[in-house]
């Protein structure tokens, strides 16, 4: 499956499996939207993933992400073409 250029939304991306997925998918060229209620760890993951490969990473820290998921899909999809 070709990942480069795809938009990926990952909930729980501040640690564990979500963090591992964010890192691996970004390595393969995806634009990542990081969702997690843990703002500090989410910011750390977003910064490290971006610094590691230069691909877009967006951080969303909320316990009720539905409106932000909608925003992320529209925003990142528009950016990805």
PDB file of N, CA and C in Angstrom:
ATOM      1  N   UNK A   1       0.841  -1.173   0.000  1.00  0.00           N
ATOM      2  CA  UNK A   1       0.000   0.000   0.000  1.00  0.00           C
ATOM      3  C   UNK A   1       0.890   1.242   0.000  1.00  0.00           C
ATOM      4  N   UNK A   2       0.584   2.183  -0.850  1.00  0.00           N
ATOM      5  CA  UNK A   2       1.336   3.437  -0.925  1.00  0.00           C
ATOM      6  C   UNK A   2       0.830   4.391   0.146  1.00  0.00           C
ATOM      7  N   UNK A   3       1.707   4.815   1.043  1.00  0.00           N
ATOM      8  CA  UNK A   3       1.353   5.699   2.157  1.00  0.00           C
ATOM      9  C   UNK A   3       1.748   7.147   1.861  1.00  0.00           C
ATOM     10  N   UNK A   4       2.816   7.344   1.110  1.00  0.00           N
ATOM     11  CA  UNK A   4       3.323   8.696   0.850  1.00  0.00           C
ATOM     12  C   UNK A   4       2.205   9.575   0.302  1.00  0.00           C
ATOM     13  N   UNK A   5       2.039  10.751   0.940  1.00  0.00           N
ATOM     14  CA  UNK A   5       1.033  11.704   0.494  1.00  0.00           C
ATOM     15  C   UNK A   5      -0.353  11.486   1.067  1.00  0.00           C
ATOM     16  N   UNK A   6      -0.553  10.407   1.789  1.00  0.00           N
ATOM     17  CA  UNK A   6      -1.858  10.140   2.390  1.00  0.00           C
ATOM     18  C   UNK A   6      -2.012  10.942   3.678  1.00  0.00           C
ATOM     19  N   UNK A   7      -3.244  11.176   4.079  1.00  0.00           N
ATOM     20  CA  UNK A   7      -3.565  11.867   5.317  1.00  0.00           C
ATOM     21  C   UNK A   7      -4.014  10.830   6.328  1.00  0.00           C
ATOM     22  N   UNK A   8      -3.394  10.856   7.522  1.00  0.00           N
ATOM     23  CA  UNK A   8      -3.694   9.861   8.546  1.00  0.00           C
ATOM     24  C   UNK A   8      -4.045  10.566   9.842  1.00  0.00           C
ATOM     25  N   UNK A   9      -5.174  10.199  10.425  1.00  0.00           N
ATOM     26  CA  UNK A   9      -5.589  10.711  11.725  1.00  0.00           C
ATOM     27  C   UNK A   9      -5.378   9.593  12.733  1.00  0.00           C
ATOM     28  N   UNK A  10      -4.620   9.895  13.791  1.00  0.00           N
ATOM     29  CA  UNK A  10      -4.317   8.878  14.798  1.00  0.00           C
ATOM     30  C   UNK A  10      -4.766   9.383  16.157  1.00  0.00           C
ATOM     31  N   UNK A  11      -5.715   8.672  16.757  1.00  0.00           N
ATOM     32  CA  UNK A  11      -6.132   8.997  18.113  1.00  0.00           C
ATOM     33  C   UNK A  11      -5.273   8.200  19.084  1.00  0.00           C
ATOM     34  N   UNK A  12      -4.998   8.789  20.226  1.00  0.00           N
ATOM     35  CA  UNK A  12      -4.137   8.130  21.196  1.00  0.00           C
ATOM     36  C   UNK A  12      -2.691   8.096  20.753  1.00  0.00           C
ATOM     37  N   UNK A  13      -2.279   9.098  19.991  1.00  0.00           N
ATOM     38  CA  UNK A  13      -0.944   9.098  19.384  1.00  0.00           C
ATOM     39  C   UNK A  13       0.162   9.565  20.315  1.00  0.00           C
ATOM     40  N   UNK A  14      -0.171   9.906  21.551  1.00  0.00           N
ATOM     41  CA  UNK A  14       0.848  10.420  22.471  1.00  0.00           C
ATOM     42  C   UNK A  14       1.671   9.327  23.125  1.00  0.00           C
ATOM     43  N   UNK A  15       1.254   8.074  22.966  1.00  0.00           N
ATOM     44  CA  UNK A  15       2.012   6.991  23.602  1.00  0.00           C
ATOM     45  C   UNK A  15       1.594   5.648  23.007  1.00  0.00           C
ATOM     46  N   UNK A  16       2.368   4.652  23.329  1.00  0.00           N
ATOM     47  CA  UNK A  16       2.030   3.274  22.981  1.00  0.00           C
ATOM     48  C   UNK A  16       1.865   3.007  21.499  1.00  0.00           C
ATOM     49  N   UNK A  17       0.851   2.217  21.179  1.00  0.00           N
ATOM     50  CA  UNK A  17       0.596   1.815  19.802  1.00  0.00           C
ATOM     51  C   UNK A  17       0.304   3.009  18.897  1.00  0.00           C
ATOM     52  N   UNK A  18      -0.458   3.988  19.403  1.00  0.00           N
ATOM     53  CA  UNK A  18      -0.751   5.183  18.612  1.00  0.00           C
ATOM     54  C   UNK A  18       0.511   5.946  18.245  1.00  0.00           C
ATOM     55  N   UNK A  19       1.420   6.080  19.202  1.00  0.00           N
ATOM     56  CA  UNK A  19       2.685   6.761  18.934  1.00  0.00           C
ATOM     57  C   UNK A  19       3.506   5.991  17.904  1.00  0.00           C
ATOM     58  N   UNK A  20       3.569   4.682  18.062  1.00  0.00           N
ATOM     59  CA  UNK A  20       4.326   3.852  17.113  1.00  0.00           C
ATOM     60  C   UNK A  20       3.757   3.983  15.703  1.00  0.00           C
ATOM     61  N   UNK A  21       2.428   3.990  15.597  1.00  0.00           N
ATOM     62  CA  UNK A  21       1.792   4.145  14.282  1.00  0.00           C
ATOM     63  C   UNK A  21       2.108   5.508  13.676  1.00  0.00           C
ATOM     64  N   UNK A  22       2.039   6.560  14.492  1.00  0.00           N
ATOM     65  CA  UNK A  22       2.336   7.910  13.995  1.00  0.00           C
ATOM     66  C   UNK A  22       3.756   7.969  13.437  1.00  0.00           C
ATOM     67  N   UNK A  23       4.685   7.409  14.178  1.00  0.00           N
ATOM     68  CA  UNK A  23       6.079   7.446  13.745  1.00  0.00           C
ATOM     69  C   UNK A  23       6.290   6.650  12.454  1.00  0.00           C
ATOM     70  N   UNK A  24       5.760   5.450  12.403  1.00  0.00           N
ATOM     71  CA  UNK A  24       5.974   4.587  11.237  1.00  0.00           C
ATOM     72  C   UNK A  24       5.305   5.165   9.989  1.00  0.00           C
ATOM     73  N   UNK A  25       4.074   5.644  10.125  1.00  0.00           N
ATOM     74  CA  UNK A  25       3.372   6.195   8.967  1.00  0.00           C
ATOM     75  C   UNK A  25       4.036   7.482   8.470  1.00  0.00           C
ATOM     76  N   UNK A  26       4.519   8.308   9.399  1.00  0.00           N
ATOM     77  CA  UNK A  26       5.233   9.520   8.989  1.00  0.00           C
ATOM     78  C   UNK A  26       6.533   9.158   8.271  1.00  0.00           C
ATOM     79  N   UNK A  27       7.224   8.132   8.757  1.00  0.00           N
ATOM     80  CA  UNK A  27       8.447   7.679   8.080  1.00  0.00           C
ATOM     81  C   UNK A  27       8.172   7.293   6.642  1.00  0.00           C
ATOM     82  N   UNK A  28       6.959   6.776   6.404  1.00  0.00           N
ATOM     83  CA  UNK A  28       6.593   6.339   5.060  1.00  0.00           C
ATOM     84  C   UNK A  28       5.972   7.453   4.221  1.00  0.00           C
ATOM     85  N   UNK A  29       5.911   8.695   4.786  1.00  0.00           N
ATOM     86  CA  UNK A  29       5.502   9.842   3.979  1.00  0.00           C
ATOM     87  C   UNK A  29       4.094  10.344   4.160  1.00  0.00           C
ATOM     88  N   UNK A  30       3.391   9.900   5.183  1.00  0.00           N
ATOM     89  CA  UNK A  30       2.027  10.364   5.413  1.00  0.00           C
ATOM     90  C   UNK A  30       2.028  11.684   6.177  1.00  0.00           C
ATOM     91  N   UNK A  31       1.005  12.502   5.938  1.00  0.00           N
ATOM     92  CA  UNK A  31       0.744  13.664   6.784  1.00  0.00           C
ATOM     93  C   UNK A  31      -0.064  13.163   7.964  1.00  0.00           C
ATOM     94  N   UNK A  32       0.324  13.563   9.169  1.00  0.00           N
ATOM     95  CA  UNK A  32      -0.262  12.987  10.369  1.00  0.00           C
ATOM     96  C   UNK A  32      -1.023  14.036  11.167  1.00  0.00           C
ATOM     97  N   UNK A  33      -2.222  13.680  11.623  1.00  0.00           N
ATOM     98  CA  UNK A  33      -2.951  14.470  12.619  1.00  0.00           C
ATOM     99  C   UNK A  33      -2.897  13.669  13.912  1.00  0.00           C
ATOM    100  N   UNK A  34      -2.225  14.229  14.919  1.00  0.00           N
ATOM    101  CA  UNK A  34      -2.041  13.573  16.215  1.00  0.00           C
ATOM    102  C   UNK A  34      -3.166  14.023  17.146  1.00  0.00           C
ATOM    103  N   UNK A  35      -3.967  13.069  17.604  1.00  0.00           N
ATOM    104  CA  UNK A  35      -5.029  13.352  18.568  1.00  0.00           C
ATOM    105  C   UNK A  35      -4.706  12.652  19.869  1.00  0.00           C
ATOM    106  N   UNK A  36      -4.741  13.394  20.975  1.00  0.00           N
ATOM    107  CA  UNK A  36      -4.587  12.778  22.286  1.00  0.00           C
ATOM    108  C   UNK A  36      -4.974  13.795  23.348  1.00  0.00           C
ATOM    109  N   UNK A  37      -5.527  13.314  24.449  1.00  0.00           N
ATOM    110  CA  UNK A  37      -5.876  14.226  25.536  1.00  0.00           C
ATOM    111  C   UNK A  37      -4.649  14.596  26.367  1.00  0.00           C
ATOM    112  N   UNK A  38      -3.551  13.880  26.174  1.00  0.00           N
ATOM    113  CA  UNK A  38      -2.308  14.180  26.871  1.00  0.00           C
ATOM    114  C   UNK A  38      -1.536  15.192  26.030  1.00  0.00           C
ATOM    115  N   UNK A  39      -1.766  16.468  26.303  1.00  0.00           N
ATOM    116  CA  UNK A  39      -1.209  17.547  25.484  1.00  0.00           C
ATOM    117  C   UNK A  39       0.316  17.521  25.444  1.00  0.00           C
ATOM    118  N   UNK A  40       0.953  17.303  26.590  1.00  0.00           N
ATOM    119  CA  UNK A  40       2.408  17.342  26.646  1.00  0.00           C
ATOM    120  C   UNK A  40       3.034  16.231  25.809  1.00  0.00           C
ATOM    121  N   UNK A  41       2.584  15.002  26.012  1.00  0.00           N
ATOM    122  CA  UNK A  41       3.141  13.894  25.222  1.00  0.00           C
ATOM    123  C   UNK A  41       2.765  14.008  23.753  1.00  0.00           C
ATOM    124  N   UNK A  42       1.551  14.472  23.488  1.00  0.00           N
ATOM    125  CA  UNK A  42       1.147  14.666  22.092  1.00  0.00           C
ATOM    126  C   UNK A  42       2.033  15.679  21.392  1.00  0.00           C
ATOM    127  N   UNK A  43       2.338  16.769  22.085  1.00  0.00           N
ATOM    128  CA  UNK A  43       3.226  17.792  21.511  1.00  0.00           C
ATOM    129  C   UNK A  43       4.620  17.229  21.298  1.00  0.00           C
ATOM    130  N   UNK A  44       5.090  16.418  22.226  1.00  0.00           N
ATOM    131  CA  UNK A  44       6.416  15.801  22.092  1.00  0.00           C
ATOM    132  C   UNK A  44       6.462  14.894  20.871  1.00  0.00           C
ATOM    133  N   UNK A  45       5.452  14.030  20.729  1.00  0.00           N
ATOM    134  CA  UNK A  45       5.413  13.110  19.585  1.00  0.00           C
ATOM    135  C   UNK A  45       5.336  13.897  18.285  1.00  0.00           C
ATOM    136  N   UNK A  46       4.466  14.900  18.232  1.00  0.00           N
ATOM    137  CA  UNK A  46       4.331  15.698  17.016  1.00  0.00           C
ATOM    138  C   UNK A  46       5.654  16.359  16.650  1.00  0.00           C
ATOM    139  N   UNK A  47       6.327  16.942  17.637  1.00  0.00           N
ATOM    140  CA  UNK A  47       7.607  17.612  17.371  1.00  0.00           C
ATOM    141  C   UNK A  47       8.675  16.628  16.923  1.00  0.00           C
ATOM    142  N   UNK A  48       8.745  15.479  17.578  1.00  0.00           N
ATOM    143  CA  UNK A  48       9.764  14.486  17.220  1.00  0.00           C
ATOM    144  C   UNK A  48       9.517  13.886  15.851  1.00  0.00           C
ATOM    145  N   UNK A  49       8.265  13.607  15.541  1.00  0.00           N
ATOM    146  CA  UNK A  49       7.939  13.036  14.230  1.00  0.00           C
ATOM    147  C   UNK A  49       8.266  14.049  13.138  1.00  0.00           C
ATOM    148  N   UNK A  50       7.886  15.311  13.354  1.00  0.00           N
ATOM    149  CA  UNK A  50       8.184  16.343  12.357  1.00  0.00           C
ATOM    150  C   UNK A  50       9.687  16.531  12.211  1.00  0.00           C
ATOM    151  N   UNK A  51      10.393  16.630  13.327  1.00  0.00           N
ATOM    152  CA  UNK A  51      11.839  16.837  13.285  1.00  0.00           C
ATOM    153  C   UNK A  51      12.549  15.669  12.617  1.00  0.00           C
ATOM    154  N   UNK A  52      12.002  14.482  12.781  1.00  0.00           N
ATOM    155  CA  UNK A  52      12.635  13.289  12.236  1.00  0.00           C
ATOM    156  C   UNK A  52      12.510  13.148  10.736  1.00  0.00           C
ATOM    157  N   UNK A  53      11.457  13.737  10.135  1.00  0.00           N
ATOM    158  CA  UNK A  53      11.288  13.510   8.704  1.00  0.00           C
ATOM    159  C   UNK A  53      10.760  14.713   7.930  1.00  0.00           C
ATOM    160  N   UNK A  54      10.362  15.771   8.611  1.00  0.00           N
ATOM    161  CA  UNK A  54       9.911  16.968   7.924  1.00  0.00           C
ATOM    162  C   UNK A  54       8.511  16.903   7.343  1.00  0.00           C
ATOM    163  N   UNK A  55       7.785  15.806   7.600  1.00  0.00           N
ATOM    164  CA  UNK A  55       6.415  15.722   7.097  1.00  0.00           C
ATOM    165  C   UNK A  55       5.473  16.454   8.033  1.00  0.00           C
ATOM    166  N   UNK A  56       4.334  16.856   7.511  1.00  0.00           N
ATOM    167  CA  UNK A  56       3.366  17.586   8.318  1.00  0.00           C
ATOM    168  C   UNK A  56       2.855  16.745   9.474  1.00  0.00           C
ATOM    169  N   UNK A  57       2.801  17.380  10.640  1.00  0.00           N
ATOM    170  CA  UNK A  57       2.204  16.770  11.820  1.00  0.00           C
ATOM    171  C   UNK A  57       1.366  17.844  12.481  1.00  0.00           C
ATOM    172  N   UNK A  58       0.126  17.526  12.796  1.00  0.00           N
ATOM    173  CA  UNK A  58      -0.777  18.474  13.438  1.00  0.00           C
ATOM    174  C   UNK A  58      -1.249  17.875  14.747  1.00  0.00           C
ATOM    175  N   UNK A  59      -1.220  18.673  15.810  1.00  0.00           N
ATOM    176  CA  UNK A  59      -1.589  18.213  17.149  1.00  0.00           C
ATOM    177  C   UNK A  59      -2.975  18.717  17.509  1.00  0.00           C
ATOM    178  N   UNK A  60      -3.816  17.813  17.961  1.00  0.00           N
ATOM    179  CA  UNK A  60      -5.147  18.150  18.451  1.00  0.00           C
ATOM    180  C   UNK A  60      -5.279  17.538  19.837  1.00  0.00           C
ATOM    181  N   UNK A  61      -5.490  18.370  20.855  1.00  0.00           N
ATOM    182  CA  UNK A  61      -5.589  17.860  22.225  1.00  0.00           C
ATOM    183  C   UNK A  61      -6.988  18.130  22.758  1.00  0.00           C
ATOM    184  N   UNK A  62      -7.803  17.130  22.727  1.00  0.00           N
ATOM    185  CA  UNK A  62      -9.176  17.279  23.186  1.00  0.00           C
ATOM    186  C   UNK A  62      -9.743  15.918  23.556  1.00  0.00           C
ATOM    187  N   UNK A  63     -10.669  15.930  24.485  1.00  0.00           N
ATOM    188  CA  UNK A  63     -11.340  14.693  24.857  1.00  0.00           C
ATOM    189  C   UNK A  63     -12.563  14.449  23.971  1.00  0.00           C
ATOM    190  N   UNK A  64     -13.019  15.462  23.254  1.00  0.00           N
ATOM    191  CA  UNK A  64     -14.181  15.351  22.371  1.00  0.00           C
ATOM    192  C   UNK A  64     -13.772  15.765  20.969  1.00  0.00           C
ATOM    193  N   UNK A  65     -13.104  14.884  20.221  1.00  0.00           N
ATOM    194  CA  UNK A  65     -12.472  15.291  18.966  1.00  0.00           C
ATOM    195  C   UNK A  65     -13.367  15.388  17.742  1.00  0.00           C
ATOM    196  N   UNK A  66     -14.657  15.083  17.822  1.00  0.00           N
ATOM    197  CA  UNK A  66     -15.475  15.022  16.611  1.00  0.00           C
ATOM    198  C   UNK A  66     -15.355  16.271  15.738  1.00  0.00           C
ATOM    199  N   UNK A  67     -15.515  17.487  16.269  1.00  0.00           N
ATOM    200  CA  UNK A  67     -15.356  18.660  15.391  1.00  0.00           C
ATOM    201  C   UNK A  67     -13.938  18.791  14.844  1.00  0.00           C
ATOM    202  N   UNK A  68     -12.952  18.414  15.636  1.00  0.00           N
ATOM    203  CA  UNK A  68     -11.576  18.527  15.171  1.00  0.00           C
ATOM    204  C   UNK A  68     -11.236  17.473  14.135  1.00  0.00           C
ATOM    205  N   UNK A  69     -11.825  16.299  14.246  1.00  0.00           N
ATOM    206  CA  UNK A  69     -11.617  15.280  13.213  1.00  0.00           C
ATOM    207  C   UNK A  69     -12.147  15.796  11.892  1.00  0.00           C
ATOM    208  N   UNK A  70     -13.326  16.399  11.922  1.00  0.00           N
ATOM    209  CA  UNK A  70     -13.903  16.966  10.705  1.00  0.00           C
ATOM    210  C   UNK A  70     -12.972  18.036  10.123  1.00  0.00           C
ATOM    211  N   UNK A  71     -12.466  18.920  10.987  1.00  0.00           N
ATOM    212  CA  UNK A  71     -11.523  19.942  10.531  1.00  0.00           C
ATOM    213  C   UNK A  71     -10.269  19.311   9.947  1.00  0.00           C
ATOM    214  N   UNK A  72      -9.708  18.339  10.659  1.00  0.00           N
ATOM    215  CA  UNK A  72      -8.464  17.714  10.209  1.00  0.00           C
ATOM    216  C   UNK A  72      -8.644  17.057   8.854  1.00  0.00           C
ATOM    217  N   UNK A  73      -9.743  16.364   8.667  1.00  0.00           N
ATOM    218  CA  UNK A  73     -10.000  15.713   7.375  1.00  0.00           C
ATOM    219  C   UNK A  73     -10.056  16.741   6.260  1.00  0.00           C
ATOM    220  N   UNK A  74     -10.815  17.796   6.473  1.00  0.00           N
ATOM    221  CA  UNK A  74     -10.928  18.839   5.429  1.00  0.00           C
ATOM    222  C   UNK A  74      -9.582  19.539   5.187  1.00  0.00           C
ATOM    223  N   UNK A  75      -8.927  19.954   6.266  1.00  0.00           N
ATOM    224  CA  UNK A  75      -7.688  20.712   6.143  1.00  0.00           C
ATOM    225  C   UNK A  75      -6.576  19.871   5.510  1.00  0.00           C
ATOM    226  N   UNK A  76      -6.354  18.697   6.052  1.00  0.00           N
ATOM    227  CA  UNK A  76      -5.263  17.873   5.548  1.00  0.00           C
ATOM    228  C   UNK A  76      -5.547  17.336   4.160  1.00  0.00           C
ATOM    229  N   UNK A  77      -6.797  17.021   3.881  1.00  0.00           N
ATOM    230  CA  UNK A  77      -7.151  16.548   2.530  1.00  0.00           C
ATOM    231  C   UNK A  77      -6.927  17.645   1.502  1.00  0.00           C
ATOM    232  N   UNK A  78      -7.267  18.869   1.851  1.00  0.00           N
ATOM    233  CA  UNK A  78      -7.048  19.982   0.933  1.00  0.00           C
ATOM    234  C   UNK A  78      -5.553  20.183   0.698  1.00  0.00           C
ATOM    235  N   UNK A  79      -4.756  20.042   1.752  1.00  0.00           N
ATOM    236  CA  UNK A  79      -3.316  20.221   1.635  1.00  0.00           C
ATOM    237  C   UNK A  79      -2.680  19.096   0.830  1.00  0.00           C
ATOM    238  N   UNK A  80      -3.227  17.875   0.956  1.00  0.00           N
ATOM    239  CA  UNK A  80      -2.655  16.729   0.277  1.00  0.00           C
ATOM    240  C   UNK A  80      -3.035  16.694  -1.200  1.00  0.00           C
ATOM    241  N   UNK A  81      -4.093  17.419  -1.544  1.00  0.00           N
ATOM    242  CA  UNK A  81      -4.507  17.459  -2.945  1.00  0.00           C
ATOM    243  C   UNK A  81      -5.477  16.394  -3.195  1.00  0.00           C
TER     244      UNK A  81
END
